[in-house]
Amino acid sequence: MKRKIIILLLVVMASSACSNVSRLDMENVLSLAMDSKSDVTNISRAGYRYYLPKGMRIVRHVGNNEILVVRNNSYYLYVDSVSYYHKVKNNYQVKNDVYYSKSLGDDDLFGYIEVKTTSNDKYYLEIMYNYAKIEVMVDKEYLNEAILYSMSILTSVDYQDVVLRSFMEDDVLASNEVEHNIFETADTESDYLQVLETYGQYEEKDESVDPDFIRR
């Protein structure tokens, strides 16, 4: 419960006082987000559940791909159930030629965060953690907010092993293996824009969720 309260406070702070959040040190924001994992979930999908922070809405959902929106910033979420099921491991190499680069977690929960500056003076954020990945392009003032939102989602992903085992036996998830490589970062922001364009072709679906409502 304490962790739930902390992450809710962080997201509320991000949504109501963005100017204050933007002044915080990125390392501190990331550390708080990593230590504030919520056990609450309010979105159920095929083989996993996750927590959608208050203020965010889902506008696209196709398979394990979703587009979430807050402040008109589009967050692309991909959950790699296949890699989770097979317990695939990958080591991230920290980069010195980008705005920010850091390896996350430990042997069981691992990932990375990478931030690049773009040609239009925006910041392209990629965070992979817990076999799921979020990509978003934001103005600098929203960068720390984007980290808070992203980590509140990624740390909450709860895989349902029994369901995934059934899916794997029936080859239901076979097509997802090549949809998105969560272990590789994009070369340019154009990859992210292409993803949004591709999944934007589907009928819009707006799921506004009360963060305390649990979907079964």
N, C-alpha and C. Protein backbone atom coordinates (compact mmCIF):
# COMPACT_ATOMS: atom_id res chain seq x y z
N MET A 1 0.83 -1.20 0.00
CA MET A 1 0.00 0.00 0.00
C MET A 1 0.87 1.25 0.00
N LYS A 2 1.98 1.22 0.75
CA LYS A 2 2.86 2.38 0.81
C LYS A 2 3.42 2.69 -0.58
N ARG A 3 3.83 1.66 -1.29
CA ARG A 3 4.37 1.87 -2.63
C ARG A 3 3.31 2.43 -3.56
N LYS A 4 2.08 1.95 -3.43
CA LYS A 4 1.00 2.46 -4.26
C LYS A 4 0.80 3.96 -4.03
N ILE A 5 0.82 4.36 -2.76
CA ILE A 5 0.64 5.77 -2.43
C ILE A 5 1.77 6.60 -3.01
N ILE A 6 3.00 6.10 -2.93
CA ILE A 6 4.15 6.84 -3.44
C ILE A 6 4.02 7.06 -4.93
N ILE A 7 3.71 6.00 -5.69
CA ILE A 7 3.65 6.15 -7.14
C ILE A 7 2.48 7.03 -7.55
N LEU A 8 1.37 6.95 -6.82
CA LEU A 8 0.24 7.84 -7.13
C LEU A 8 0.62 9.28 -6.89
N LEU A 9 1.36 9.55 -5.82
CA LEU A 9 1.81 10.90 -5.54
C LEU A 9 2.75 11.40 -6.62
N LEU A 10 3.63 10.52 -7.11
CA LEU A 10 4.54 10.92 -8.16
C LEU A 10 3.81 11.29 -9.43
N VAL A 11 2.81 10.49 -9.80
CA VAL A 11 2.06 10.76 -11.02
C VAL A 11 1.20 12.01 -10.87
N VAL A 12 0.60 12.19 -9.69
CA VAL A 12 -0.17 13.40 -9.44
C VAL A 12 0.73 14.62 -9.55
N MET A 13 1.93 14.51 -8.99
CA MET A 13 2.89 15.61 -9.07
C MET A 13 3.26 15.89 -10.51
N ALA A 14 3.39 14.82 -11.30
CA ALA A 14 3.75 14.98 -12.70
C ALA A 14 2.64 15.66 -13.48
N SER A 15 1.39 15.33 -13.16
CA SER A 15 0.27 15.85 -13.93
C SER A 15 -0.17 17.24 -13.48
N SER A 16 0.08 17.59 -12.21
CA SER A 16 -0.42 18.86 -11.71
C SER A 16 0.65 19.92 -11.50
N ALA A 17 1.90 19.51 -11.48
CA ALA A 17 2.98 20.49 -11.25
C ALA A 17 4.19 20.13 -12.10
N CYS A 18 3.96 20.08 -13.39
CA CYS A 18 5.00 19.62 -14.30
C CYS A 18 6.25 20.49 -14.22
N SER A 19 6.07 21.81 -14.00
CA SER A 19 7.22 22.70 -13.95
C SER A 19 8.15 22.33 -12.80
N ASN A 20 7.58 21.87 -11.68
CA ASN A 20 8.40 21.44 -10.54
C ASN A 20 9.11 20.13 -10.84
N VAL A 21 8.40 19.19 -11.45
CA VAL A 21 8.98 17.89 -11.78
C VAL A 21 10.14 18.06 -12.74
N SER A 22 10.00 18.95 -13.69
CA SER A 22 11.04 19.12 -14.71
C SER A 22 12.35 19.63 -14.13
N ARG A 23 12.29 20.21 -12.93
CA ARG A 23 13.51 20.73 -12.31
C ARG A 23 14.26 19.66 -11.51
N LEU A 24 13.63 18.53 -11.28
CA LEU A 24 14.26 17.48 -10.50
C LEU A 24 15.37 16.81 -11.30
N ASP A 25 16.36 16.31 -10.58
CA ASP A 25 17.45 15.57 -11.20
C ASP A 25 16.91 14.25 -11.77
N MET A 26 17.32 13.92 -13.00
CA MET A 26 16.79 12.72 -13.66
C MET A 26 17.11 11.46 -12.87
N GLU A 27 18.30 11.41 -12.27
CA GLU A 27 18.67 10.23 -11.48
C GLU A 27 17.72 10.04 -10.30
N ASN A 28 17.35 11.14 -9.65
CA ASN A 28 16.44 11.05 -8.50
C ASN A 28 15.04 10.63 -8.93
N VAL A 29 14.58 11.17 -10.05
CA VAL A 29 13.26 10.79 -10.57
C VAL A 29 13.23 9.30 -10.88
N LEU A 30 14.29 8.83 -11.55
CA LEU A 30 14.35 7.42 -11.92
C LEU A 30 14.44 6.53 -10.69
N SER A 31 15.22 6.94 -9.71
CA SER A 31 15.35 6.15 -8.49
C SER A 31 14.02 6.04 -7.75
N LEU A 32 13.29 7.14 -7.64
CA LEU A 32 11.98 7.12 -7.00
C LEU A 32 11.02 6.21 -7.75
N ALA A 33 11.04 6.32 -9.06
CA ALA A 33 10.13 5.51 -9.87
C ALA A 33 10.44 4.03 -9.73
N MET A 34 11.72 3.68 -9.69
CA MET A 34 12.13 2.27 -9.57
C MET A 34 11.74 1.70 -8.20
N ASP A 35 11.78 2.55 -7.17
CA ASP A 35 11.49 2.08 -5.81
C ASP A 35 10.01 2.12 -5.47
N SER A 36 9.17 2.57 -6.41
CA SER A 36 7.77 2.81 -6.09
C SER A 36 6.83 1.90 -6.87
N LYS A 37 7.23 0.66 -7.04
CA LYS A 37 6.42 -0.30 -7.78
C LYS A 37 5.07 -0.51 -7.11
N SER A 38 4.00 -0.43 -7.91
CA SER A 38 2.67 -0.65 -7.38
C SER A 38 2.22 -2.09 -7.66
N ASP A 39 1.56 -2.68 -6.69
CA ASP A 39 1.00 -4.02 -6.88
C ASP A 39 -0.40 -3.95 -7.47
N VAL A 40 -0.88 -2.74 -7.74
CA VAL A 40 -2.22 -2.54 -8.28
C VAL A 40 -2.18 -2.59 -9.80
N THR A 41 -3.15 -3.26 -10.41
CA THR A 41 -3.32 -3.23 -11.87
C THR A 41 -4.76 -2.86 -12.18
N ASN A 42 -4.96 -2.20 -13.31
CA ASN A 42 -6.33 -1.84 -13.69
C ASN A 42 -6.63 -2.09 -15.16
N ILE A 43 -5.66 -2.67 -15.88
CA ILE A 43 -5.87 -3.05 -17.28
C ILE A 43 -5.51 -4.52 -17.44
N SER A 44 -6.40 -5.31 -18.00
CA SER A 44 -6.15 -6.73 -18.24
C SER A 44 -6.04 -7.00 -19.72
N ARG A 45 -4.99 -7.73 -20.10
CA ARG A 45 -4.77 -8.14 -21.48
C ARG A 45 -4.55 -9.65 -21.53
N ALA A 46 -4.29 -10.15 -22.71
CA ALA A 46 -4.11 -11.59 -22.90
C ALA A 46 -2.77 -12.03 -22.30
N GLY A 47 -2.81 -12.57 -21.09
CA GLY A 47 -1.62 -13.10 -20.46
C GLY A 47 -0.88 -12.15 -19.53
N TYR A 48 -1.37 -10.93 -19.38
CA TYR A 48 -0.71 -10.00 -18.47
C TYR A 48 -1.67 -8.89 -18.07
N ARG A 49 -1.31 -8.17 -17.02
CA ARG A 49 -2.06 -7.01 -16.55
C ARG A 49 -1.07 -5.89 -16.27
N TYR A 50 -1.57 -4.66 -16.24
CA TYR A 50 -0.69 -3.56 -15.87
C TYR A 50 -1.50 -2.41 -15.31
N TYR A 51 -0.78 -1.44 -14.74
CA TYR A 51 -1.39 -0.27 -14.12
C TYR A 51 -1.34 0.91 -15.07
N LEU A 52 -2.51 1.45 -15.42
CA LEU A 52 -2.60 2.66 -16.24
C LEU A 52 -2.77 3.85 -15.31
N PRO A 53 -1.78 4.76 -15.26
CA PRO A 53 -1.86 5.90 -14.33
C PRO A 53 -3.05 6.80 -14.64
N LYS A 54 -3.56 7.42 -13.61
CA LYS A 54 -4.65 8.36 -13.75
C LYS A 54 -4.21 9.50 -14.66
N GLY A 55 -5.07 9.90 -15.56
CA GLY A 55 -4.76 10.97 -16.51
C GLY A 55 -4.37 10.46 -17.87
N MET A 56 -3.92 9.20 -17.94
CA MET A 56 -3.57 8.59 -19.23
C MET A 56 -4.80 7.92 -19.82
N ARG A 57 -4.83 7.85 -21.15
CA ARG A 57 -5.90 7.10 -21.81
C ARG A 57 -5.33 6.27 -22.94
N ILE A 58 -5.98 5.17 -23.22
CA ILE A 58 -5.56 4.27 -24.29
C ILE A 58 -6.32 4.63 -25.55
N VAL A 59 -5.59 4.92 -26.62
CA VAL A 59 -6.25 5.27 -27.88
C VAL A 59 -6.06 4.19 -28.95
N ARG A 60 -5.13 3.27 -28.75
CA ARG A 60 -4.96 2.15 -29.66
C ARG A 60 -4.58 0.92 -28.86
N HIS A 61 -5.15 -0.22 -29.23
CA HIS A 61 -4.78 -1.49 -28.62
C HIS A 61 -4.87 -2.57 -29.69
N VAL A 62 -3.71 -3.08 -30.11
CA VAL A 62 -3.66 -4.13 -31.13
C VAL A 62 -2.66 -5.18 -30.66
N GLY A 63 -3.16 -6.34 -30.26
CA GLY A 63 -2.28 -7.38 -29.74
C GLY A 63 -1.57 -6.89 -28.48
N ASN A 64 -0.25 -6.99 -28.49
CA ASN A 64 0.54 -6.53 -27.35
C ASN A 64 1.04 -5.11 -27.54
N ASN A 65 0.52 -4.41 -28.54
CA ASN A 65 0.90 -3.04 -28.83
C ASN A 65 -0.20 -2.09 -28.39
N GLU A 66 0.21 -1.01 -27.72
CA GLU A 66 -0.77 -0.01 -27.30
C GLU A 66 -0.20 1.39 -27.49
N ILE A 67 -1.07 2.34 -27.74
CA ILE A 67 -0.68 3.74 -27.74
C ILE A 67 -1.48 4.43 -26.64
N LEU A 68 -0.76 5.04 -25.71
CA LEU A 68 -1.34 5.74 -24.58
C LEU A 68 -1.05 7.23 -24.75
N VAL A 69 -1.97 8.05 -24.30
CA VAL A 69 -1.82 9.49 -24.49
C VAL A 69 -2.04 10.24 -23.18
N VAL A 70 -1.19 11.22 -22.93
CA VAL A 70 -1.37 12.18 -21.85
C VAL A 70 -0.68 13.46 -22.29
N ARG A 71 -1.33 14.61 -22.06
CA ARG A 71 -0.82 15.91 -22.49
C ARG A 71 -0.51 15.94 -23.99
N ASN A 72 -1.27 15.20 -24.77
CA ASN A 72 -1.07 15.10 -26.22
C ASN A 72 0.26 14.46 -26.60
N ASN A 73 0.92 13.82 -25.65
CA ASN A 73 2.13 13.05 -25.93
C ASN A 73 1.74 11.58 -26.07
N SER A 74 2.17 10.95 -27.14
CA SER A 74 1.81 9.56 -27.41
C SER A 74 2.91 8.62 -26.92
N TYR A 75 2.53 7.69 -26.03
CA TYR A 75 3.44 6.69 -25.49
C TYR A 75 3.16 5.36 -26.18
N TYR A 76 4.16 4.80 -26.84
CA TYR A 76 3.99 3.50 -27.47
C TYR A 76 4.46 2.42 -26.50
N LEU A 77 3.56 1.51 -26.14
CA LEU A 77 3.85 0.41 -25.21
C LEU A 77 3.83 -0.91 -25.95
N TYR A 78 4.88 -1.71 -25.76
CA TYR A 78 4.90 -3.07 -26.29
C TYR A 78 5.30 -4.03 -25.17
N VAL A 79 4.50 -5.04 -24.94
CA VAL A 79 4.76 -6.04 -23.91
C VAL A 79 5.19 -7.33 -24.59
N ASP A 80 6.40 -7.78 -24.30
CA ASP A 80 6.97 -8.95 -24.96
C ASP A 80 6.75 -10.21 -24.11
N SER A 81 5.56 -10.76 -24.23
CA SER A 81 5.20 -11.95 -23.44
C SER A 81 6.05 -13.16 -23.82
N VAL A 82 6.46 -13.22 -25.08
CA VAL A 82 7.24 -14.37 -25.55
C VAL A 82 8.62 -14.39 -24.88
N SER A 83 9.29 -13.22 -24.87
CA SER A 83 10.61 -13.16 -24.22
C SER A 83 10.49 -13.43 -22.73
N TYR A 84 9.40 -12.93 -22.12
CA TYR A 84 9.19 -13.22 -20.70
C TYR A 84 9.03 -14.72 -20.47
N TYR A 85 8.21 -15.36 -21.29
CA TYR A 85 7.93 -16.77 -21.13
C TYR A 85 9.21 -17.60 -21.24
N HIS A 86 10.08 -17.24 -22.20
CA HIS A 86 11.33 -17.97 -22.41
C HIS A 86 12.47 -17.45 -21.54
N LYS A 87 12.19 -16.42 -20.72
CA LYS A 87 13.19 -15.83 -19.82
C LYS A 87 14.46 -15.42 -20.58
N VAL A 88 14.26 -14.74 -21.68
CA VAL A 88 15.37 -14.25 -22.48
C VAL A 88 16.13 -13.17 -21.71
N LYS A 89 17.45 -13.23 -21.74
CA LYS A 89 18.28 -12.24 -21.05
C LYS A 89 19.09 -11.45 -22.08
N ASN A 90 19.33 -10.19 -21.78
CA ASN A 90 20.12 -9.36 -22.67
C ASN A 90 20.80 -8.26 -21.87
N ASN A 91 22.07 -8.03 -22.14
CA ASN A 91 22.82 -6.99 -21.43
C ASN A 91 22.84 -5.71 -22.25
N TYR A 92 22.47 -4.62 -21.62
CA TYR A 92 22.47 -3.32 -22.28
C TYR A 92 23.82 -2.65 -22.10
N GLN A 93 24.37 -2.14 -23.20
CA GLN A 93 25.63 -1.43 -23.14
C GLN A 93 25.36 0.07 -23.05
N VAL A 94 25.79 0.68 -21.96
CA VAL A 94 25.60 2.12 -21.77
C VAL A 94 26.31 2.88 -22.89
N LYS A 95 25.64 3.92 -23.41
CA LYS A 95 26.19 4.69 -24.52
C LYS A 95 26.64 6.08 -24.05
N ASN A 96 27.72 6.54 -24.63
CA ASN A 96 28.25 7.84 -24.29
C ASN A 96 27.90 8.92 -25.29
N ASP A 97 27.26 8.54 -26.40
CA ASP A 97 26.98 9.50 -27.46
C ASP A 97 25.51 9.91 -27.52
N VAL A 98 24.78 9.66 -26.42
CA VAL A 98 23.38 10.08 -26.36
C VAL A 98 23.18 10.97 -25.14
N TYR A 99 22.02 11.59 -25.04
CA TYR A 99 21.74 12.53 -23.95
C TYR A 99 21.78 11.84 -22.59
N TYR A 100 21.24 10.62 -22.51
CA TYR A 100 21.21 9.89 -21.25
C TYR A 100 21.11 8.40 -21.55
N SER A 101 21.86 7.60 -20.81
CA SER A 101 21.87 6.16 -21.03
C SER A 101 22.20 5.47 -19.72
N LYS A 102 21.39 4.48 -19.37
CA LYS A 102 21.61 3.79 -18.08
C LYS A 102 20.99 2.40 -18.11
N SER A 103 21.70 1.45 -17.55
CA SER A 103 21.17 0.10 -17.38
C SER A 103 20.32 0.07 -16.11
N LEU A 104 19.22 -0.68 -16.14
CA LEU A 104 18.29 -0.72 -15.02
C LEU A 104 18.19 -2.12 -14.43
N GLY A 105 17.90 -2.17 -13.13
CA GLY A 105 17.49 -3.42 -12.51
C GLY A 105 18.62 -4.35 -12.16
N ASP A 106 18.23 -5.65 -12.06
CA ASP A 106 19.17 -6.69 -11.67
C ASP A 106 18.93 -7.91 -12.54
N ASP A 107 19.35 -9.08 -12.08
CA ASP A 107 19.24 -10.29 -12.89
C ASP A 107 17.80 -10.68 -13.19
N ASP A 108 16.90 -10.45 -12.24
CA ASP A 108 15.51 -10.87 -12.43
C ASP A 108 14.70 -9.82 -13.18
N LEU A 109 14.83 -8.57 -12.79
CA LEU A 109 14.13 -7.48 -13.46
C LEU A 109 15.19 -6.54 -14.01
N PHE A 110 15.35 -6.55 -15.32
CA PHE A 110 16.42 -5.80 -15.93
C PHE A 110 15.87 -4.95 -17.08
N GLY A 111 16.69 -4.03 -17.54
CA GLY A 111 16.28 -3.20 -18.66
C GLY A 111 17.22 -2.05 -18.85
N TYR A 112 16.71 -0.98 -19.46
CA TYR A 112 17.54 0.19 -19.72
C TYR A 112 16.66 1.41 -19.95
N ILE A 113 17.28 2.58 -19.83
CA ILE A 113 16.65 3.83 -20.22
C ILE A 113 17.63 4.55 -21.14
N GLU A 114 17.10 5.08 -22.22
CA GLU A 114 17.94 5.81 -23.17
C GLU A 114 17.18 7.03 -23.67
N VAL A 115 17.84 8.17 -23.66
CA VAL A 115 17.24 9.42 -24.13
C VAL A 115 18.13 10.02 -25.21
N LYS A 116 17.51 10.36 -26.33
CA LYS A 116 18.23 11.01 -27.41
C LYS A 116 17.57 12.35 -27.72
N THR A 117 18.38 13.31 -28.14
CA THR A 117 17.82 14.56 -28.66
C THR A 117 17.48 14.33 -30.13
N THR A 118 16.43 14.99 -30.59
CA THR A 118 15.98 14.79 -31.97
C THR A 118 16.22 16.03 -32.81
N SER A 119 15.97 15.88 -34.11
CA SER A 119 16.22 16.96 -35.06
C SER A 119 15.30 18.15 -34.85
N ASN A 120 14.17 17.95 -34.18
CA ASN A 120 13.24 19.04 -33.94
C ASN A 120 13.25 19.50 -32.48
N ASP A 121 14.41 19.30 -31.82
CA ASP A 121 14.63 19.78 -30.45
C ASP A 121 13.72 19.14 -29.42
N LYS A 122 13.29 17.93 -29.69
CA LYS A 122 12.54 17.16 -28.71
C LYS A 122 13.44 16.07 -28.12
N TYR A 123 12.90 15.35 -27.15
CA TYR A 123 13.65 14.29 -26.49
C TYR A 123 12.93 12.96 -26.69
N TYR A 124 13.66 12.01 -27.26
CA TYR A 124 13.12 10.69 -27.58
C TYR A 124 13.52 9.73 -26.47
N LEU A 125 12.53 9.28 -25.70
CA LEU A 125 12.75 8.42 -24.54
C LEU A 125 12.38 6.98 -24.85
N GLU A 126 13.29 6.07 -24.55
CA GLU A 126 13.03 4.63 -24.64
C GLU A 126 13.33 4.02 -23.27
N ILE A 127 12.36 3.32 -22.71
CA ILE A 127 12.59 2.59 -21.46
C ILE A 127 12.11 1.15 -21.65
N MET A 128 13.02 0.22 -21.40
CA MET A 128 12.66 -1.19 -21.40
C MET A 128 12.88 -1.73 -20.00
N TYR A 129 11.86 -2.42 -19.46
CA TYR A 129 11.96 -2.99 -18.13
C TYR A 129 10.89 -4.05 -17.96
N ASN A 130 11.24 -5.13 -17.30
CA ASN A 130 10.25 -6.16 -16.99
C ASN A 130 9.61 -6.72 -18.26
N TYR A 131 10.42 -6.91 -19.31
CA TYR A 131 9.98 -7.47 -20.60
C TYR A 131 8.90 -6.64 -21.28
N ALA A 132 8.94 -5.36 -21.05
CA ALA A 132 8.03 -4.45 -21.74
C ALA A 132 8.80 -3.17 -22.06
N LYS A 133 8.32 -2.43 -23.05
CA LYS A 133 9.05 -1.25 -23.50
C LYS A 133 8.09 -0.11 -23.81
N ILE A 134 8.51 1.10 -23.46
CA ILE A 134 7.76 2.31 -23.79
C ILE A 134 8.66 3.27 -24.55
N GLU A 135 8.13 3.86 -25.61
CA GLU A 135 8.83 4.89 -26.36
C GLU A 135 7.92 6.11 -26.44
N VAL A 136 8.52 7.28 -26.28
CA VAL A 136 7.74 8.52 -26.36
C VAL A 136 8.67 9.66 -26.73
N MET A 137 8.16 10.63 -27.47
CA MET A 137 8.92 11.82 -27.83
C MET A 137 8.25 13.02 -27.19
N VAL A 138 9.02 13.79 -26.40
CA VAL A 138 8.44 14.89 -25.63
C VAL A 138 9.36 16.11 -25.67
N ASP A 139 8.79 17.26 -25.31
CA ASP A 139 9.61 18.44 -25.05
C ASP A 139 10.37 18.22 -23.75
N LYS A 140 11.48 18.93 -23.58
CA LYS A 140 12.33 18.71 -22.42
C LYS A 140 11.57 18.88 -21.11
N GLU A 141 10.63 19.83 -21.07
CA GLU A 141 9.91 20.09 -19.82
C GLU A 141 9.06 18.90 -19.38
N TYR A 142 8.76 17.98 -20.30
CA TYR A 142 7.94 16.81 -19.97
C TYR A 142 8.77 15.53 -19.84
N LEU A 143 10.09 15.63 -19.92
CA LEU A 143 10.93 14.43 -19.91
C LEU A 143 10.83 13.67 -18.59
N ASN A 144 10.99 14.35 -17.47
CA ASN A 144 10.90 13.67 -16.18
C ASN A 144 9.50 13.11 -15.95
N GLU A 145 8.49 13.84 -16.37
CA GLU A 145 7.12 13.36 -16.28
C GLU A 145 6.96 12.07 -17.07
N ALA A 146 7.55 12.03 -18.26
CA ALA A 146 7.46 10.84 -19.11
C ALA A 146 8.12 9.64 -18.45
N ILE A 147 9.23 9.89 -17.74
CA ILE A 147 9.89 8.80 -17.03
C ILE A 147 8.99 8.26 -15.92
N LEU A 148 8.34 9.15 -15.18
CA LEU A 148 7.44 8.73 -14.11
C LEU A 148 6.28 7.90 -14.63
N TYR A 149 5.63 8.40 -15.68
CA TYR A 149 4.51 7.67 -16.26
C TYR A 149 4.97 6.31 -16.79
N SER A 150 6.08 6.31 -17.51
CA SER A 150 6.56 5.07 -18.13
C SER A 150 6.91 4.02 -17.10
N MET A 151 7.65 4.41 -16.07
CA MET A 151 8.07 3.44 -15.07
C MET A 151 6.91 2.96 -14.22
N SER A 152 5.91 3.81 -13.99
CA SER A 152 4.75 3.35 -13.22
C SER A 152 4.01 2.24 -13.96
N ILE A 153 4.06 2.28 -15.29
CA ILE A 153 3.44 1.23 -16.11
C ILE A 153 4.33 0.00 -16.15
N LEU A 154 5.60 0.18 -16.52
CA LEU A 154 6.49 -0.95 -16.75
C LEU A 154 6.74 -1.77 -15.48
N THR A 155 6.87 -1.10 -14.34
CA THR A 155 7.11 -1.85 -13.10
C THR A 155 5.87 -2.58 -12.62
N SER A 156 4.71 -2.23 -13.16
CA SER A 156 3.46 -2.85 -12.71
C SER A 156 3.04 -4.06 -13.54
N VAL A 157 3.71 -4.28 -14.68
CA VAL A 157 3.28 -5.38 -15.56
C VAL A 157 3.35 -6.70 -14.80
N ASP A 158 2.22 -7.39 -14.78
CA ASP A 158 2.08 -8.64 -14.02
C ASP A 158 1.70 -9.75 -15.00
N TYR A 159 2.65 -10.65 -15.25
CA TYR A 159 2.42 -11.73 -16.22
C TYR A 159 1.67 -12.89 -15.57
N GLN A 160 0.77 -13.47 -16.34
CA GLN A 160 -0.02 -14.59 -15.86
C GLN A 160 0.52 -15.87 -16.50
N ASP A 161 1.37 -16.56 -15.75
CA ASP A 161 2.12 -17.69 -16.30
C ASP A 161 1.24 -18.81 -16.85
N VAL A 162 0.17 -19.12 -16.15
CA VAL A 162 -0.71 -20.22 -16.59
C VAL A 162 -1.34 -19.88 -17.94
N VAL A 163 -1.80 -18.65 -18.07
CA VAL A 163 -2.42 -18.22 -19.33
C VAL A 163 -1.39 -18.21 -20.46
N LEU A 164 -0.20 -17.68 -20.18
CA LEU A 164 0.84 -17.63 -21.21
C LEU A 164 1.27 -19.02 -21.64
N ARG A 165 1.33 -19.95 -20.69
CA ARG A 165 1.69 -21.32 -21.04
C ARG A 165 0.68 -21.92 -22.00
N SER A 166 -0.58 -21.65 -21.75
CA SER A 166 -1.63 -22.14 -22.64
C SER A 166 -1.51 -21.51 -24.02
N PHE A 167 -1.25 -20.21 -24.06
CA PHE A 167 -1.08 -19.52 -25.34
C PHE A 167 0.10 -20.08 -26.12
N MET A 168 1.21 -20.33 -25.43
CA MET A 168 2.39 -20.83 -26.10
C MET A 168 2.16 -22.23 -26.65
N GLU A 169 1.45 -23.06 -25.91
CA GLU A 169 1.15 -24.40 -26.38
C GLU A 169 0.26 -24.39 -27.61
N ASP A 170 -0.60 -23.37 -27.70
CA ASP A 170 -1.50 -23.25 -28.85
C ASP A 170 -0.95 -22.33 -29.93
N ASP A 171 0.31 -21.88 -29.77
CA ASP A 171 0.96 -20.99 -30.74
C ASP A 171 0.23 -19.66 -30.92
N VAL A 172 -0.51 -19.25 -29.92
CA VAL A 172 -1.26 -17.99 -30.02
C VAL A 172 -0.32 -16.81 -30.09
N LEU A 173 0.83 -16.88 -29.40
CA LEU A 173 1.75 -15.76 -29.33
C LEU A 173 2.90 -15.85 -30.34
N ALA A 174 2.87 -16.84 -31.20
CA ALA A 174 3.98 -17.05 -32.12
C ALA A 174 4.26 -15.83 -32.99
N SER A 175 3.23 -15.15 -33.44
CA SER A 175 3.40 -14.00 -34.34
C SER A 175 4.00 -12.80 -33.64
N ASN A 176 3.97 -12.78 -32.30
CA ASN A 176 4.48 -11.63 -31.57
C ASN A 176 6.00 -11.62 -31.45
N GLU A 177 6.65 -12.74 -31.78
CA GLU A 177 8.08 -12.84 -31.55
C GLU A 177 8.88 -11.83 -32.39
N VAL A 178 8.40 -11.45 -33.54
CA VAL A 178 9.16 -10.56 -34.41
C VAL A 178 8.52 -9.19 -34.55
N GLU A 179 7.49 -8.91 -33.76
CA GLU A 179 6.81 -7.63 -33.88
C GLU A 179 7.69 -6.47 -33.44
N HIS A 180 8.43 -6.65 -32.36
CA HIS A 180 9.19 -5.54 -31.81
C HIS A 180 10.31 -6.11 -30.96
N ASN A 181 11.53 -5.66 -31.20
CA ASN A 181 12.66 -6.14 -30.41
C ASN A 181 12.87 -5.18 -29.25
N ILE A 182 12.46 -5.59 -28.07
CA ILE A 182 12.55 -4.70 -26.91
C ILE A 182 13.98 -4.50 -26.45
N PHE A 183 14.89 -5.38 -26.86
CA PHE A 183 16.27 -5.32 -26.40
C PHE A 183 17.14 -4.38 -27.23
N GLU A 184 16.63 -3.90 -28.34
CA GLU A 184 17.38 -2.99 -29.19
C GLU A 184 16.74 -1.61 -29.19
N THR A 185 17.57 -0.59 -29.11
CA THR A 185 17.07 0.77 -29.18
C THR A 185 16.94 1.19 -30.63
N ALA A 186 16.07 2.15 -30.89
CA ALA A 186 15.85 2.63 -32.25
C ALA A 186 17.03 3.48 -32.72
N ASP A 187 17.30 3.45 -34.00
CA ASP A 187 18.38 4.25 -34.56
C ASP A 187 18.03 5.73 -34.55
N THR A 188 16.80 6.04 -34.91
CA THR A 188 16.36 7.42 -34.97
C THR A 188 14.92 7.51 -34.50
N GLU A 189 14.46 8.73 -34.29
CA GLU A 189 13.07 8.93 -33.89
C GLU A 189 12.09 8.54 -34.97
N SER A 190 12.59 8.38 -36.21
CA SER A 190 11.70 8.02 -37.31
C SER A 190 11.09 6.64 -37.11
N ASP A 191 11.82 5.75 -36.40
CA ASP A 191 11.28 4.42 -36.11
C ASP A 191 10.05 4.53 -35.22
N TYR A 192 10.13 5.40 -34.25
CA TYR A 192 9.00 5.63 -33.34
C TYR A 192 7.81 6.23 -34.10
N LEU A 193 8.08 7.19 -34.96
CA LEU A 193 7.01 7.82 -35.73
C LEU A 193 6.36 6.82 -36.68
N GLN A 194 7.17 5.90 -37.21
CA GLN A 194 6.62 4.87 -38.09
C GLN A 194 5.69 3.94 -37.32
N VAL A 195 6.04 3.63 -36.09
CA VAL A 195 5.19 2.79 -35.25
C VAL A 195 3.86 3.47 -35.01
N LEU A 196 3.90 4.75 -34.66
CA LEU A 196 2.66 5.48 -34.40
C LEU A 196 1.80 5.54 -35.65
N GLU A 197 2.44 5.73 -36.80
CA GLU A 197 1.69 5.79 -38.05
C GLU A 197 1.04 4.44 -38.37
N THR A 198 1.80 3.36 -38.13
CA THR A 198 1.28 2.01 -38.42
C THR A 198 0.09 1.68 -37.54
N TYR A 199 0.24 1.87 -36.23
CA TYR A 199 -0.83 1.49 -35.33
C TYR A 199 -1.92 2.54 -35.25
N GLY A 200 -1.67 3.69 -35.84
CA GLY A 200 -2.70 4.71 -35.93
C GLY A 200 -3.72 4.42 -37.00
N GLN A 201 -3.49 3.38 -37.78
CA GLN A 201 -4.42 3.03 -38.84
C GLN A 201 -5.66 2.32 -38.29
N TYR A 202 -5.60 1.92 -37.04
CA TYR A 202 -6.71 1.17 -36.47
C TYR A 202 -7.74 2.11 -35.87
N GLU A 203 -8.93 1.59 -35.71
CA GLU A 203 -10.02 2.39 -35.15
C GLU A 203 -9.66 2.86 -33.75
N GLU A 204 -9.91 4.13 -33.47
CA GLU A 204 -9.53 4.70 -32.17
C GLU A 204 -10.35 4.06 -31.06
N LYS A 205 -9.64 3.78 -29.98
CA LYS A 205 -10.28 3.19 -28.80
C LYS A 205 -9.84 3.99 -27.58
N ASP A 206 -10.77 4.63 -26.93
CA ASP A 206 -10.46 5.47 -25.78
C ASP A 206 -10.85 4.75 -24.52
N GLU A 207 -9.85 4.34 -23.72
CA GLU A 207 -10.13 3.68 -22.45
C GLU A 207 -9.62 4.58 -21.33
N SER A 208 -10.51 5.35 -20.75
CA SER A 208 -10.17 6.16 -19.60
C SER A 208 -10.49 5.35 -18.36
N VAL A 209 -9.49 5.19 -17.47
CA VAL A 209 -9.64 4.24 -16.39
C VAL A 209 -9.42 4.89 -15.05
N ASP A 210 -10.28 4.56 -14.11
CA ASP A 210 -10.04 4.92 -12.71
C ASP A 210 -8.88 4.06 -12.22
N PRO A 211 -7.77 4.66 -11.73
CA PRO A 211 -6.61 3.87 -11.35
C PRO A 211 -6.84 2.91 -10.20
N ASP A 212 -7.91 3.07 -9.44
CA ASP A 212 -8.20 2.18 -8.34
C ASP A 212 -9.19 1.06 -8.73
N PHE A 213 -9.59 1.06 -10.00
CA PHE A 213 -10.51 0.02 -10.47
C PHE A 213 -9.72 -1.14 -11.05
N ILE A 214 -9.95 -2.33 -10.53
CA ILE A 214 -9.20 -3.50 -10.97
C ILE A 214 -10.03 -4.30 -11.97
N ARG A 215 -9.47 -4.49 -13.16
CA ARG A 215 -10.16 -5.32 -14.16
C ARG A 215 -9.72 -6.76 -14.03
N ARG A 216 -10.69 -7.63 -14.03
CA ARG A 216 -10.38 -9.06 -13.94
C ARG A 216 -10.57 -9.70 -15.31
